[in-house]
């Protein structure tokens, strides 16, 4: 299945491109990305938790940068597997960032997505619809992160999106509603229950 789209970002191309390579920024912005670490300049590892048509997909994944032409283009290959669900995913991604003038960029991406197992049998229309929902949330959060400053854990929006539930609630009360995905709410609920059991 092939997916492609583009979206504007209110930040200079160098900053936008740097955020795409930064694990803190991407972990905060990619819906369902609960873990992400850089192994070296070309390799990343993480865990993705998401839901497609009421089926929970929790996959450890690896990502390899196969081509890099900073700050304009990057190609990467992502592979993930949920052993409990008997499903796996492979994504061949291409990303191009174009300068659109002062503090403005255009991001264009293409994804060649392959799914196997239970997730793969759900059908393209279901997967495509969920992918579009994930894309909308990513674009909104990523645009905020880029506009807020350079990449890294000191970026205020990265801190906000990555904050523990109590801090997230305080930030919401102070600054108005913060968009949180279903998976963030679920993780917050589970963490709260685990803390109660330990007491």
N, C-alpha and C. Protein backbone atom coordinates (compact mmCIF):
# COMPACT_ATOMS: atom_id res chain seq x y z
N UNK A 1 0.84 -1.19 0.00
CA UNK A 1 0.00 0.00 0.00
C UNK A 1 0.88 1.24 0.00
N UNK A 2 0.57 2.18 -0.87
CA UNK A 2 1.36 3.39 -0.96
C UNK A 2 0.57 4.58 -0.41
N UNK A 3 1.25 5.40 0.38
CA UNK A 3 0.66 6.62 0.93
C UNK A 3 1.59 7.78 0.61
N UNK A 4 1.03 8.93 0.30
CA UNK A 4 1.84 10.11 0.02
C UNK A 4 1.06 11.36 0.39
N UNK A 5 1.77 12.37 0.87
CA UNK A 5 1.11 13.62 1.23
C UNK A 5 2.17 14.70 1.41
N UNK A 6 1.72 15.90 1.70
CA UNK A 6 2.63 17.01 1.98
C UNK A 6 1.93 17.95 2.96
N UNK A 7 2.75 18.72 3.69
CA UNK A 7 2.18 19.67 4.63
C UNK A 7 3.20 20.77 4.91
N UNK A 8 2.72 22.00 5.18
CA UNK A 8 3.63 23.10 5.51
C UNK A 8 4.01 23.05 6.99
N UNK A 9 5.20 23.55 7.29
CA UNK A 9 5.68 23.64 8.67
C UNK A 9 6.22 25.05 8.90
N UNK A 10 5.82 25.71 9.99
CA UNK A 10 6.27 27.09 10.24
C UNK A 10 7.66 27.15 10.87
N UNK A 11 8.66 26.64 10.13
CA UNK A 11 10.05 26.66 10.62
C UNK A 11 10.98 26.50 9.43
N UNK A 12 12.22 26.96 9.59
CA UNK A 12 13.21 26.87 8.51
C UNK A 12 13.55 25.41 8.21
N UNK A 13 13.98 25.14 6.99
CA UNK A 13 14.24 23.78 6.53
C UNK A 13 15.25 23.05 7.40
N UNK A 14 16.35 23.70 7.77
CA UNK A 14 17.38 23.04 8.59
C UNK A 14 16.79 22.53 9.90
N UNK A 15 15.97 23.35 10.54
CA UNK A 15 15.37 22.95 11.82
C UNK A 15 14.40 21.79 11.61
N UNK A 16 13.55 21.88 10.59
CA UNK A 16 12.57 20.83 10.32
C UNK A 16 13.28 19.50 10.08
N UNK A 17 14.31 19.52 9.26
CA UNK A 17 15.03 18.29 8.94
C UNK A 17 15.70 17.72 10.19
N UNK A 18 16.26 18.58 11.01
CA UNK A 18 16.91 18.12 12.26
C UNK A 18 15.91 17.45 13.19
N UNK A 19 14.68 17.97 13.25
CA UNK A 19 13.65 17.35 14.09
C UNK A 19 13.32 15.94 13.61
N UNK A 20 13.31 15.72 12.30
CA UNK A 20 13.00 14.39 11.79
C UNK A 20 14.05 13.35 12.19
N UNK A 21 15.28 13.79 12.41
CA UNK A 21 16.34 12.86 12.79
C UNK A 21 16.52 12.75 14.30
N UNK A 22 15.78 13.55 15.06
CA UNK A 22 15.95 13.59 16.51
C UNK A 22 14.98 12.63 17.20
N UNK A 23 15.48 11.67 17.99
CA UNK A 23 14.58 10.69 18.61
C UNK A 23 13.61 11.30 19.61
N UNK A 24 14.01 12.34 20.34
CA UNK A 24 13.10 12.97 21.31
C UNK A 24 11.91 13.60 20.60
N UNK A 25 12.18 14.31 19.51
CA UNK A 25 11.10 14.96 18.77
C UNK A 25 10.16 13.94 18.15
N UNK A 26 10.73 12.90 17.53
CA UNK A 26 9.88 11.93 16.85
C UNK A 26 9.08 11.08 17.84
N UNK A 27 9.67 10.75 18.96
CA UNK A 27 8.94 9.98 19.98
C UNK A 27 7.74 10.79 20.48
N UNK A 28 7.93 12.10 20.63
CA UNK A 28 6.85 12.97 21.12
C UNK A 28 5.75 13.15 20.08
N UNK A 29 6.11 13.11 18.79
CA UNK A 29 5.15 13.48 17.74
C UNK A 29 4.47 12.30 17.06
N UNK A 30 5.13 11.16 16.96
CA UNK A 30 4.55 10.01 16.27
C UNK A 30 3.52 9.35 17.18
N UNK A 31 2.24 9.35 16.80
CA UNK A 31 1.23 8.73 17.64
C UNK A 31 1.55 7.25 17.89
N UNK A 32 1.56 6.87 19.14
CA UNK A 32 1.81 5.48 19.50
C UNK A 32 3.25 5.11 19.68
N UNK A 33 4.18 6.05 19.44
CA UNK A 33 5.60 5.74 19.63
C UNK A 33 5.93 5.92 21.11
N UNK A 34 6.05 4.81 21.84
CA UNK A 34 6.28 4.87 23.27
C UNK A 34 7.76 4.77 23.63
N UNK A 35 8.57 4.30 22.68
CA UNK A 35 10.02 4.23 22.89
C UNK A 35 10.71 4.55 21.58
N UNK A 36 11.81 5.28 21.66
CA UNK A 36 12.64 5.53 20.47
C UNK A 36 14.02 5.97 20.93
N UNK A 37 15.04 5.27 20.45
CA UNK A 37 16.42 5.64 20.77
C UNK A 37 17.27 5.52 19.52
N UNK A 38 18.29 6.39 19.45
CA UNK A 38 19.23 6.35 18.34
C UNK A 38 20.37 5.40 18.71
N UNK A 39 20.58 4.37 17.90
CA UNK A 39 21.66 3.41 18.12
C UNK A 39 22.97 3.98 17.60
N UNK A 40 22.93 4.55 16.39
CA UNK A 40 24.07 5.25 15.80
C UNK A 40 23.52 6.22 14.77
N UNK A 41 24.38 6.78 13.92
CA UNK A 41 23.94 7.81 12.98
C UNK A 41 22.88 7.33 12.00
N UNK A 42 22.81 6.02 11.75
CA UNK A 42 21.89 5.51 10.73
C UNK A 42 20.83 4.55 11.27
N UNK A 43 20.89 4.21 12.55
CA UNK A 43 19.99 3.19 13.07
C UNK A 43 19.26 3.66 14.33
N UNK A 44 17.97 3.31 14.40
CA UNK A 44 17.12 3.62 15.54
C UNK A 44 16.38 2.35 15.96
N UNK A 45 15.98 2.31 17.23
CA UNK A 45 15.15 1.22 17.74
C UNK A 45 14.04 1.82 18.58
N UNK A 46 12.89 1.15 18.58
CA UNK A 46 11.80 1.68 19.40
C UNK A 46 10.64 0.71 19.51
N UNK A 47 9.54 1.23 20.05
CA UNK A 47 8.32 0.43 20.18
C UNK A 47 7.14 1.30 19.79
N UNK A 48 6.26 0.72 19.00
CA UNK A 48 5.07 1.41 18.50
C UNK A 48 3.84 0.68 19.00
N UNK A 49 2.93 1.43 19.63
CA UNK A 49 1.68 0.86 20.12
C UNK A 49 0.54 1.64 19.47
N UNK A 50 -0.31 0.92 18.76
CA UNK A 50 -1.41 1.61 18.09
C UNK A 50 -2.60 0.67 18.00
N UNK A 51 -3.68 1.18 17.49
CA UNK A 51 -4.90 0.39 17.38
C UNK A 51 -5.51 0.59 16.00
N UNK A 52 -5.85 -0.53 15.37
CA UNK A 52 -6.51 -0.48 14.07
C UNK A 52 -7.79 -1.28 14.18
N UNK A 53 -8.92 -0.63 14.04
CA UNK A 53 -10.22 -1.29 14.10
C UNK A 53 -10.35 -2.17 15.34
N UNK A 54 -10.02 -1.60 16.50
CA UNK A 54 -10.13 -2.25 17.81
C UNK A 54 -9.13 -3.38 18.04
N UNK A 55 -8.15 -3.51 17.18
CA UNK A 55 -7.08 -4.49 17.37
C UNK A 55 -5.82 -3.74 17.78
N UNK A 56 -5.29 -4.07 18.95
CA UNK A 56 -4.10 -3.38 19.47
C UNK A 56 -2.85 -4.00 18.88
N UNK A 57 -2.01 -3.14 18.31
CA UNK A 57 -0.76 -3.55 17.67
C UNK A 57 0.39 -2.97 18.48
N UNK A 58 1.22 -3.85 19.06
CA UNK A 58 2.36 -3.39 19.86
C UNK A 58 3.61 -4.04 19.30
N UNK A 59 4.43 -3.26 18.62
CA UNK A 59 5.56 -3.83 17.89
C UNK A 59 6.88 -3.16 18.25
N UNK A 60 7.88 -3.96 18.54
CA UNK A 60 9.23 -3.45 18.58
C UNK A 60 9.66 -3.23 17.14
N UNK A 61 10.41 -2.17 16.89
CA UNK A 61 10.80 -1.91 15.51
C UNK A 61 12.24 -1.40 15.42
N UNK A 62 12.80 -1.54 14.23
CA UNK A 62 14.10 -0.95 13.91
C UNK A 62 13.89 -0.05 12.70
N UNK A 63 14.67 1.01 12.64
CA UNK A 63 14.63 1.91 11.49
C UNK A 63 16.07 2.17 11.03
N UNK A 64 16.28 2.08 9.74
CA UNK A 64 17.60 2.30 9.17
C UNK A 64 17.53 3.40 8.11
N UNK A 65 18.38 4.40 8.23
CA UNK A 65 18.48 5.43 7.20
C UNK A 65 19.29 4.85 6.05
N UNK A 66 18.66 4.74 4.89
CA UNK A 66 19.33 4.15 3.73
C UNK A 66 19.94 5.19 2.81
N UNK A 67 19.39 6.39 2.80
CA UNK A 67 19.94 7.50 2.00
C UNK A 67 19.72 8.79 2.78
N UNK A 68 20.72 9.66 2.75
CA UNK A 68 20.61 10.92 3.49
C UNK A 68 21.28 12.03 2.71
N UNK A 69 20.51 13.08 2.45
CA UNK A 69 21.04 14.27 1.80
C UNK A 69 20.50 15.48 2.57
N UNK A 70 21.16 15.75 3.71
CA UNK A 70 20.69 16.82 4.60
C UNK A 70 20.98 18.18 3.99
N UNK A 71 20.08 19.16 4.17
CA UNK A 71 18.81 19.09 4.90
C UNK A 71 17.61 18.93 3.97
N UNK A 72 17.78 18.17 2.89
CA UNK A 72 16.74 18.11 1.88
C UNK A 72 15.96 16.80 1.83
N UNK A 73 16.65 15.67 1.94
CA UNK A 73 15.95 14.40 1.70
C UNK A 73 16.54 13.28 2.54
N UNK A 74 15.66 12.37 2.96
CA UNK A 74 16.10 11.18 3.68
C UNK A 74 15.19 10.02 3.29
N UNK A 75 15.80 8.84 3.16
CA UNK A 75 15.05 7.61 2.94
C UNK A 75 15.36 6.66 4.09
N UNK A 76 14.33 5.96 4.55
CA UNK A 76 14.53 5.05 5.68
C UNK A 76 13.68 3.81 5.50
N UNK A 77 14.16 2.72 6.09
CA UNK A 77 13.44 1.45 6.07
C UNK A 77 13.13 1.06 7.51
N UNK A 78 11.84 0.87 7.78
CA UNK A 78 11.38 0.52 9.13
C UNK A 78 10.77 -0.88 9.09
N UNK A 79 11.16 -1.71 10.07
CA UNK A 79 10.60 -3.06 10.19
C UNK A 79 10.14 -3.26 11.63
N UNK A 80 8.93 -3.80 11.81
CA UNK A 80 8.42 -4.05 13.14
C UNK A 80 7.64 -5.34 13.20
N UNK A 81 7.53 -5.91 14.41
CA UNK A 81 6.82 -7.18 14.58
C UNK A 81 6.12 -7.23 15.93
N UNK A 82 4.87 -7.65 15.91
CA UNK A 82 4.10 -7.94 17.11
C UNK A 82 3.96 -9.46 17.17
N UNK A 83 4.78 -10.10 17.99
CA UNK A 83 4.77 -11.57 18.04
C UNK A 83 3.48 -12.13 18.62
N UNK A 84 2.93 -11.45 19.62
CA UNK A 84 1.68 -11.93 20.22
C UNK A 84 0.55 -11.93 19.19
N UNK A 85 0.52 -10.89 18.37
CA UNK A 85 -0.54 -10.76 17.37
C UNK A 85 -0.21 -11.53 16.10
N UNK A 86 1.04 -11.95 15.95
CA UNK A 86 1.44 -12.65 14.74
C UNK A 86 1.39 -11.74 13.53
N UNK A 87 1.80 -10.50 13.71
CA UNK A 87 1.74 -9.51 12.64
C UNK A 87 3.08 -8.79 12.52
N UNK A 88 3.39 -8.36 11.32
CA UNK A 88 4.61 -7.59 11.10
C UNK A 88 4.34 -6.48 10.10
N UNK A 89 5.25 -5.51 10.11
CA UNK A 89 5.10 -4.33 9.27
C UNK A 89 6.45 -3.95 8.67
N UNK A 90 6.40 -3.47 7.45
CA UNK A 90 7.60 -2.95 6.78
C UNK A 90 7.21 -1.66 6.08
N UNK A 91 7.99 -0.61 6.32
CA UNK A 91 7.71 0.69 5.72
C UNK A 91 8.96 1.22 5.06
N UNK A 92 8.87 1.50 3.77
CA UNK A 92 9.94 2.16 3.03
C UNK A 92 9.50 3.62 2.87
N UNK A 93 10.19 4.52 3.57
CA UNK A 93 9.74 5.92 3.64
C UNK A 93 10.72 6.86 2.96
N UNK A 94 10.18 7.84 2.25
CA UNK A 94 10.97 8.91 1.65
C UNK A 94 10.42 10.24 2.13
N UNK A 95 11.31 11.12 2.55
CA UNK A 95 10.91 12.42 3.08
C UNK A 95 11.75 13.51 2.42
N UNK A 96 11.08 14.54 1.92
CA UNK A 96 11.75 15.67 1.28
C UNK A 96 11.28 16.96 1.96
N UNK A 97 12.24 17.80 2.34
CA UNK A 97 11.91 19.09 2.96
C UNK A 97 12.39 20.20 2.03
N UNK A 98 11.48 21.08 1.65
CA UNK A 98 11.77 22.17 0.73
C UNK A 98 11.64 23.51 1.43
N UNK A 99 12.59 24.39 1.20
CA UNK A 99 12.55 25.74 1.78
C UNK A 99 11.45 26.55 1.09
N UNK A 100 10.57 27.18 1.89
CA UNK A 100 9.47 27.97 1.34
C UNK A 100 9.58 29.44 1.71
N UNK A 101 10.79 29.88 2.02
CA UNK A 101 10.97 31.27 2.41
C UNK A 101 11.33 31.35 3.87
N UNK A 102 11.31 32.56 4.40
CA UNK A 102 11.74 32.78 5.78
C UNK A 102 10.86 32.01 6.77
N UNK A 103 11.50 31.13 7.55
CA UNK A 103 10.84 30.37 8.61
C UNK A 103 9.61 29.60 8.12
N UNK A 104 9.74 28.99 6.94
CA UNK A 104 8.65 28.20 6.40
C UNK A 104 9.20 27.09 5.50
N UNK A 105 8.65 25.90 5.64
CA UNK A 105 9.11 24.76 4.84
C UNK A 105 7.92 23.94 4.39
N UNK A 106 8.15 23.14 3.35
CA UNK A 106 7.15 22.20 2.88
C UNK A 106 7.73 20.80 3.03
N UNK A 107 7.00 19.93 3.70
CA UNK A 107 7.41 18.53 3.88
C UNK A 107 6.58 17.67 2.95
N UNK A 108 7.25 16.86 2.14
CA UNK A 108 6.59 15.90 1.27
C UNK A 108 7.09 14.50 1.64
N UNK A 109 6.17 13.56 1.77
CA UNK A 109 6.60 12.21 2.13
C UNK A 109 5.85 11.17 1.33
N UNK A 110 6.51 10.03 1.17
CA UNK A 110 5.89 8.88 0.53
C UNK A 110 6.20 7.65 1.35
N UNK A 111 5.20 6.80 1.55
CA UNK A 111 5.36 5.57 2.32
C UNK A 111 4.92 4.39 1.48
N UNK A 112 5.77 3.38 1.40
CA UNK A 112 5.39 2.11 0.79
C UNK A 112 5.23 1.13 1.95
N UNK A 113 4.00 0.81 2.28
CA UNK A 113 3.66 0.10 3.50
C UNK A 113 3.24 -1.33 3.19
N UNK A 114 3.85 -2.29 3.90
CA UNK A 114 3.47 -3.70 3.76
C UNK A 114 3.15 -4.25 5.14
N UNK A 115 2.02 -4.96 5.25
CA UNK A 115 1.57 -5.53 6.52
C UNK A 115 1.29 -7.01 6.33
N UNK A 116 1.66 -7.80 7.34
CA UNK A 116 1.41 -9.24 7.29
C UNK A 116 0.70 -9.66 8.57
N UNK A 117 0.08 -10.85 8.54
CA UNK A 117 -0.58 -11.37 9.71
C UNK A 117 -1.97 -10.79 9.89
N UNK A 118 -2.44 -10.76 11.13
CA UNK A 118 -3.80 -10.31 11.43
C UNK A 118 -4.04 -8.88 10.95
N UNK A 119 -3.05 -8.01 11.18
CA UNK A 119 -3.20 -6.62 10.74
C UNK A 119 -3.29 -6.55 9.22
N UNK A 120 -2.47 -7.35 8.53
CA UNK A 120 -2.47 -7.34 7.07
C UNK A 120 -3.78 -7.81 6.47
N UNK A 121 -4.51 -8.66 7.21
CA UNK A 121 -5.78 -9.20 6.68
C UNK A 121 -6.97 -8.26 6.88
N UNK A 122 -6.75 -7.14 7.52
CA UNK A 122 -7.85 -6.22 7.80
C UNK A 122 -8.36 -5.49 6.56
N UNK A 123 -7.52 -5.37 5.56
CA UNK A 123 -7.96 -4.69 4.35
C UNK A 123 -7.38 -3.29 4.25
N UNK A 124 -7.11 -2.89 3.00
CA UNK A 124 -6.44 -1.61 2.75
C UNK A 124 -7.26 -0.42 3.21
N UNK A 125 -8.58 -0.46 3.03
CA UNK A 125 -9.40 0.72 3.37
C UNK A 125 -9.34 1.01 4.87
N UNK A 126 -9.35 -0.04 5.71
CA UNK A 126 -9.30 0.15 7.16
C UNK A 126 -7.94 0.71 7.57
N UNK A 127 -6.88 0.12 7.03
CA UNK A 127 -5.52 0.57 7.37
C UNK A 127 -5.28 1.98 6.87
N UNK A 128 -5.77 2.28 5.67
CA UNK A 128 -5.58 3.62 5.11
C UNK A 128 -6.29 4.67 5.96
N UNK A 129 -7.50 4.36 6.40
CA UNK A 129 -8.26 5.32 7.22
C UNK A 129 -7.54 5.60 8.54
N UNK A 130 -7.03 4.54 9.19
CA UNK A 130 -6.29 4.74 10.45
C UNK A 130 -5.00 5.51 10.20
N UNK A 131 -4.34 5.22 9.07
CA UNK A 131 -3.10 5.93 8.74
C UNK A 131 -3.34 7.42 8.56
N UNK A 132 -4.47 7.77 7.97
CA UNK A 132 -4.79 9.19 7.78
C UNK A 132 -5.04 9.88 9.12
N UNK A 133 -5.68 9.18 10.06
CA UNK A 133 -5.89 9.75 11.40
C UNK A 133 -4.55 9.99 12.10
N UNK A 134 -3.66 9.01 12.01
CA UNK A 134 -2.33 9.13 12.62
C UNK A 134 -1.57 10.29 11.99
N UNK A 135 -1.67 10.42 10.67
CA UNK A 135 -0.98 11.49 9.96
C UNK A 135 -1.45 12.86 10.43
N UNK A 136 -2.76 13.04 10.60
CA UNK A 136 -3.29 14.34 11.04
C UNK A 136 -2.75 14.71 12.41
N UNK A 137 -2.70 13.74 13.33
CA UNK A 137 -2.19 14.04 14.66
C UNK A 137 -0.70 14.36 14.61
N UNK A 138 0.04 13.58 13.81
CA UNK A 138 1.48 13.82 13.69
C UNK A 138 1.76 15.22 13.14
N UNK A 139 1.07 15.60 12.09
CA UNK A 139 1.30 16.91 11.46
C UNK A 139 1.05 18.04 12.47
N UNK A 140 -0.03 17.93 13.23
CA UNK A 140 -0.36 18.97 14.22
C UNK A 140 0.74 19.08 15.28
N UNK A 141 1.16 17.93 15.84
CA UNK A 141 2.17 17.96 16.90
C UNK A 141 3.54 18.34 16.37
N UNK A 142 3.90 17.81 15.19
CA UNK A 142 5.21 18.10 14.63
C UNK A 142 5.35 19.59 14.27
N UNK A 143 4.31 20.18 13.75
CA UNK A 143 4.35 21.61 13.42
C UNK A 143 4.56 22.46 14.67
N UNK A 144 3.90 22.08 15.76
CA UNK A 144 4.08 22.80 17.03
C UNK A 144 5.51 22.65 17.55
N UNK A 145 6.04 21.43 17.48
CA UNK A 145 7.40 21.17 17.97
C UNK A 145 8.41 21.99 17.18
N UNK A 146 8.28 22.00 15.85
CA UNK A 146 9.23 22.75 15.01
C UNK A 146 9.16 24.25 15.27
N UNK A 147 7.94 24.75 15.44
CA UNK A 147 7.78 26.19 15.68
C UNK A 147 8.31 26.60 17.03
N UNK A 148 8.37 25.66 17.99
CA UNK A 148 8.77 26.00 19.36
C UNK A 148 10.27 26.15 19.55
N UNK A 149 11.07 25.61 18.61
CA UNK A 149 12.52 25.73 18.78
C UNK A 149 13.27 24.56 18.20
N UNK A 150 14.59 24.50 18.43
CA UNK A 150 15.41 23.41 17.88
C UNK A 150 15.06 22.07 18.53
N UNK A 151 15.54 20.97 17.94
CA UNK A 151 15.22 19.64 18.48
C UNK A 151 15.89 19.34 19.80
N UNK A 152 15.37 18.32 20.47
CA UNK A 152 15.97 17.88 21.72
C UNK A 152 15.01 17.97 22.89
N UNK A 153 15.39 17.42 24.02
CA UNK A 153 14.51 17.39 25.19
C UNK A 153 14.22 18.76 25.78
N UNK A 154 14.99 19.79 25.43
CA UNK A 154 14.73 21.13 25.96
C UNK A 154 13.66 21.88 25.19
N UNK A 155 13.23 21.33 24.06
CA UNK A 155 12.15 21.96 23.30
C UNK A 155 10.89 21.93 24.16
N UNK A 156 10.24 23.08 24.39
CA UNK A 156 9.10 23.11 25.33
C UNK A 156 7.93 22.23 24.91
N UNK A 157 7.65 22.12 23.62
CA UNK A 157 6.53 21.28 23.18
C UNK A 157 6.90 19.81 23.28
N UNK A 158 8.16 19.46 23.02
CA UNK A 158 8.61 18.07 23.23
C UNK A 158 8.43 17.71 24.70
N UNK A 159 8.82 18.63 25.59
CA UNK A 159 8.65 18.37 27.03
C UNK A 159 7.18 18.20 27.38
N UNK A 160 6.33 19.04 26.82
CA UNK A 160 4.89 18.97 27.09
C UNK A 160 4.30 17.64 26.63
N UNK A 161 4.62 17.23 25.40
CA UNK A 161 4.05 16.00 24.85
C UNK A 161 4.62 14.75 25.50
N UNK A 162 5.83 14.86 26.08
CA UNK A 162 6.49 13.71 26.70
C UNK A 162 6.32 13.68 28.22
N UNK A 163 5.65 14.66 28.78
CA UNK A 163 5.56 14.78 30.24
C UNK A 163 4.75 13.64 30.84
N UNK A 164 5.09 13.24 32.08
CA UNK A 164 4.27 12.27 32.81
C UNK A 164 2.86 12.81 32.97
N UNK A 165 1.88 11.94 33.20
CA UNK A 165 0.48 12.36 33.24
C UNK A 165 0.18 13.54 34.16
N UNK A 166 0.76 13.57 35.37
CA UNK A 166 0.46 14.67 36.31
C UNK A 166 0.92 16.00 35.75
N UNK A 167 2.15 16.02 35.17
CA UNK A 167 2.67 17.26 34.59
C UNK A 167 1.86 17.65 33.37
N UNK A 168 1.43 16.65 32.59
CA UNK A 168 0.63 16.92 31.40
C UNK A 168 -0.68 17.60 31.78
N UNK A 169 -1.30 17.11 32.87
CA UNK A 169 -2.56 17.68 33.34
C UNK A 169 -2.36 19.12 33.79
N UNK A 170 -1.25 19.38 34.49
CA UNK A 170 -0.97 20.74 34.95
C UNK A 170 -0.78 21.68 33.77
N UNK A 171 -0.06 21.21 32.76
CA UNK A 171 0.17 22.04 31.56
C UNK A 171 -1.15 22.32 30.86
N UNK A 172 -2.05 21.33 30.83
CA UNK A 172 -3.36 21.52 30.20
C UNK A 172 -4.18 22.55 30.96
N UNK A 173 -4.19 22.45 32.28
CA UNK A 173 -4.95 23.40 33.09
C UNK A 173 -4.44 24.83 32.90
N UNK A 174 -3.11 24.98 32.76
CA UNK A 174 -2.52 26.30 32.65
C UNK A 174 -2.67 26.90 31.26
N UNK A 175 -2.59 26.05 30.23
CA UNK A 175 -2.52 26.59 28.87
C UNK A 175 -3.69 26.17 27.99
N UNK A 176 -4.72 25.55 28.56
CA UNK A 176 -5.84 25.12 27.75
C UNK A 176 -5.67 23.67 27.33
N UNK A 177 -6.64 23.12 26.60
CA UNK A 177 -6.62 21.70 26.25
C UNK A 177 -5.41 21.34 25.41
N UNK A 178 -4.80 20.20 25.73
CA UNK A 178 -3.70 19.65 24.93
C UNK A 178 -4.22 18.40 24.27
N UNK A 179 -4.01 18.25 22.96
CA UNK A 179 -4.47 17.08 22.25
C UNK A 179 -3.68 15.86 22.69
N UNK A 180 -4.37 14.83 23.14
CA UNK A 180 -3.70 13.60 23.56
C UNK A 180 -4.37 12.43 22.88
N UNK A 181 -3.59 11.56 22.28
CA UNK A 181 -4.12 10.39 21.61
C UNK A 181 -4.69 9.40 22.61
N UNK A 182 -5.52 8.48 22.09
CA UNK A 182 -6.10 7.46 22.96
C UNK A 182 -5.02 6.68 23.67
N UNK A 183 -3.91 6.40 23.02
CA UNK A 183 -2.85 5.58 23.62
C UNK A 183 -2.18 6.30 24.77
N UNK A 184 -2.07 7.64 24.70
CA UNK A 184 -1.49 8.39 25.82
C UNK A 184 -2.42 8.30 27.03
N UNK A 185 -3.72 8.40 26.79
CA UNK A 185 -4.68 8.31 27.89
C UNK A 185 -4.65 6.91 28.51
N UNK A 186 -4.53 5.88 27.65
CA UNK A 186 -4.47 4.51 28.15
C UNK A 186 -3.22 4.28 28.99
N UNK A 187 -2.08 4.76 28.49
CA UNK A 187 -0.83 4.60 29.25
C UNK A 187 -0.91 5.32 30.59
N UNK A 188 -1.50 6.51 30.59
CA UNK A 188 -1.64 7.26 31.85
C UNK A 188 -2.50 6.49 32.83
N UNK A 189 -3.60 5.88 32.34
CA UNK A 189 -4.48 5.11 33.19
C UNK A 189 -3.76 3.88 33.76
N UNK A 190 -3.03 3.16 32.90
CA UNK A 190 -2.30 1.97 33.34
C UNK A 190 -1.22 2.30 34.35
N UNK A 191 -0.50 3.39 34.11
CA UNK A 191 0.54 3.80 35.05
C UNK A 191 -0.06 4.13 36.41
N UNK A 192 -1.22 4.80 36.39
CA UNK A 192 -1.89 5.14 37.64
C UNK A 192 -2.31 3.90 38.41
N UNK A 193 -2.80 2.90 37.70
CA UNK A 193 -3.23 1.65 38.35
C UNK A 193 -2.03 0.90 38.93
N UNK A 194 -0.93 0.87 38.17
CA UNK A 194 0.27 0.19 38.67
C UNK A 194 0.80 0.85 39.93
N UNK A 195 0.78 2.18 39.93
CA UNK A 195 1.27 2.92 41.12
C UNK A 195 0.37 2.62 42.32
N UNK A 196 -0.94 2.51 42.11
CA UNK A 196 -1.85 2.21 43.20
C UNK A 196 -1.61 0.82 43.76
N UNK A 197 -1.32 -0.16 42.89
CA UNK A 197 -1.06 -1.53 43.32
C UNK A 197 0.21 -1.60 44.15
N UNK A 198 1.26 -0.86 43.74
CA UNK A 198 2.53 -0.86 44.48
C UNK A 198 2.34 -0.33 45.89
N UNK A 199 1.44 0.64 46.07
CA UNK A 199 1.22 1.22 47.41
C UNK A 199 0.55 0.18 48.30
